Amino acid sequence: MAVIIDDKCITCDACLQVCPVNAIVDDSDNPTGEKRYYVQPEKCVECVGIYDDPQCAAICPSIGTITWDMPFTPEFEEHFLNGEIYKLGEKNGKLKTPSFRKKKFREDIPVEDRGVGRLVEEEPEELNEAG
């Protein structure tokens, strides 16, 4: 995974509808128990190979709600084992950690621009009317 939905989420359903890999669950299915939508890190592929940008961030009406997270790779395994932020799924009794199955991620986003709270989308610049 490389995106996370923070507590600014207004549970509007937009991201849930556009996720091409069904990595997002609604607030009633959030495994952490929080009342916001949740991106399953073991499923998210940052829309790599599918779209140019993460679709959840592109459609989210709350700027700053979708933030970059670390790549779901073995090098960041400890990060994803943080039980307060993540509840990883299981398969045959084994946690779906990055060592279990590394996920695709946007390699053009440097690690220093990642981490809980790093914006995926930004406020648009002031727009001028045409004509």
Protein backbone atom coordinates (compact mmCIF):
# COMPACT_ATOMS: atom_id res chain seq x y z
CA MET A 1 0.00 0.00 0.00
CA ALA A 2 1.03 3.52 -0.28
CA VAL A 3 -2.07 5.47 0.58
CA ILE A 4 -3.95 5.86 3.82
CA ILE A 5 -7.23 7.60 4.61
CA ASP A 6 -6.96 9.88 7.61
CA ASP A 7 -9.51 11.18 10.10
CA LYS A 8 -10.70 13.97 7.77
CA CYS A 9 -12.66 11.32 5.87
CA ILE A 10 -16.32 12.31 5.50
CA THR A 11 -17.40 8.76 4.50
CA CYS A 12 -18.85 9.96 1.20
CA ASP A 13 -18.29 6.64 -0.63
CA ALA A 14 -16.44 8.19 -3.60
CA CYS A 15 -13.12 6.38 -3.07
CA LEU A 16 -14.85 3.10 -2.36
CA GLN A 17 -16.59 3.27 -5.74
CA VAL A 18 -13.47 4.00 -7.83
CA CYS A 19 -10.85 1.68 -6.33
CA PRO A 20 -9.97 -0.73 -9.15
CA VAL A 21 -8.67 -3.45 -6.79
CA ASN A 22 -11.34 -3.13 -4.06
CA ALA A 23 -8.72 -2.24 -1.46
CA ILE A 24 -10.97 0.22 0.40
CA VAL A 25 -13.55 -0.76 3.00
CA ASP A 26 -16.15 1.52 4.54
CA ASP A 27 -16.28 2.74 8.12
CA SER A 28 -18.46 -0.15 9.29
CA ASP A 29 -15.85 -2.65 8.02
CA ASN A 30 -12.74 -0.76 9.19
CA PRO A 31 -10.72 -3.43 11.00
CA THR A 32 -9.16 -0.83 13.32
CA GLY A 33 -12.62 0.09 14.64
CA GLU A 34 -12.29 3.75 13.60
CA LYS A 35 -15.24 5.51 11.96
CA ARG A 36 -13.55 6.23 8.64
CA TYR A 37 -12.79 4.37 5.47
CA TYR A 38 -9.74 2.12 5.47
CA VAL A 39 -7.30 1.11 2.73
CA GLN A 40 -6.19 -2.49 3.07
CA PRO A 41 -2.41 -2.23 2.63
CA GLU A 42 -2.11 -5.81 1.46
CA LYS A 43 -4.42 -5.02 -1.51
CA CYS A 44 -3.58 -1.43 -2.55
CA VAL A 45 -1.40 -1.03 -5.66
CA GLU A 46 -1.56 2.79 -5.90
CA CYS A 47 -3.32 2.21 -9.23
CA VAL A 48 0.08 1.34 -10.77
CA GLY A 49 -0.42 -0.06 -14.25
CA ILE A 50 -4.11 0.84 -14.13
CA TYR A 51 -4.30 4.67 -13.89
CA ASP A 52 -1.82 7.54 -13.87
CA ASP A 53 -2.76 8.53 -10.30
CA PRO A 54 -4.42 6.88 -7.32
CA GLN A 55 -8.11 7.14 -8.11
CA CYS A 56 -9.16 7.44 -4.47
CA ALA A 57 -7.21 10.69 -4.15
CA ALA A 58 -8.34 11.96 -7.54
CA ILE A 59 -12.01 11.72 -6.58
CA CYS A 60 -11.85 12.57 -2.86
CA PRO A 61 -13.67 15.86 -2.13
CA SER A 62 -11.72 16.42 1.12
CA ILE A 63 -8.28 17.68 0.10
CA GLY A 64 -5.63 16.10 2.32
CA THR A 65 -7.67 13.08 3.40
CA ILE A 66 -5.79 10.60 1.21
CA THR A 67 -2.11 10.57 2.14
CA TRP A 68 0.95 8.68 0.94
CA ASP A 69 2.22 5.82 3.02
CA MET A 70 5.29 3.63 2.72
CA PRO A 71 5.53 1.07 -0.07
CA PHE A 72 4.18 -2.36 0.90
CA THR A 73 7.60 -4.01 0.60
CA PRO A 74 9.62 -6.17 3.02
CA GLU A 75 11.89 -3.24 3.86
CA PHE A 76 8.90 -1.53 5.56
CA GLU A 77 7.41 -4.64 7.17
CA GLU A 78 7.67 -3.29 10.74
CA HIS A 79 5.75 -0.17 9.67
CA PHE A 80 2.80 -2.30 8.54
CA LEU A 81 2.87 -4.45 11.66
CA ASN A 82 1.80 -1.39 13.72
CA GLY A 83 -1.48 -2.73 15.08
CA GLU A 84 -2.84 0.72 15.92
CA ILE A 85 -2.81 1.82 12.28
CA TYR A 86 -3.15 -1.47 10.37
CA LYS A 87 -4.98 -4.75 10.72
CA LEU A 88 -3.52 -6.96 8.02
CA GLY A 89 -5.56 -9.74 6.52
CA GLU A 90 -4.65 -13.40 6.88
CA LYS A 91 -4.39 -16.32 4.51
CA ASN A 92 -4.14 -19.87 5.83
CA GLY A 93 -3.33 -18.47 9.28
CA LYS A 94 -0.46 -16.27 8.02
CA LEU A 95 -0.54 -12.48 8.13
CA LYS A 96 -0.46 -10.89 4.66
CA THR A 97 2.68 -8.87 5.41
CA PRO A 98 4.97 -7.34 2.77
CA SER A 99 7.20 -10.43 3.08
CA PHE A 100 4.17 -12.59 2.27
CA ARG A 101 3.41 -10.62 -0.90
CA LYS A 102 5.09 -7.40 -2.01
CA LYS A 103 2.69 -4.96 -3.76
CA LYS A 104 3.23 -2.59 -6.67
CA PHE A 105 3.91 1.02 -5.77
CA ARG A 106 4.76 4.31 -7.48
CA GLU A 107 8.52 4.23 -7.64
CA ASP A 108 8.59 7.90 -8.71
CA ILE A 109 7.46 8.99 -5.22
CA PRO A 110 10.58 9.16 -3.03
CA VAL A 111 10.49 7.63 0.46
CA GLU A 112 11.03 11.08 2.01
CA ASP A 113 7.69 12.13 0.48
CA ARG A 114 5.95 9.13 2.04
CA GLY A 115 4.64 8.41 5.52
CA VAL A 116 1.31 8.80 7.24
CA GLY A 117 0.17 12.36 6.62
CA ARG A 118 2.03 13.02 3.33
CA LEU A 119 -0.47 14.45 0.84
CA VAL A 120 -1.28 12.57 -2.37
CA GLU A 121 -3.35 15.40 -3.78
CA GLU A 122 -2.91 19.06 -3.12
CA GLU A 123 -5.18 22.07 -3.11
CA PRO A 124 -5.52 23.33 -6.68
CA GLU A 125 -3.84 26.62 -7.46
CA GLU A 126 -6.08 29.63 -7.84
CA LEU A 127 -7.97 29.22 -11.06
CA ASN A 128 -8.59 32.09 -13.45
CA GLU A 129 -11.69 32.14 -15.61
CA ALA A 130 -11.07 31.67 -19.28
CA GLY A 131 -12.11 34.41 -21.67
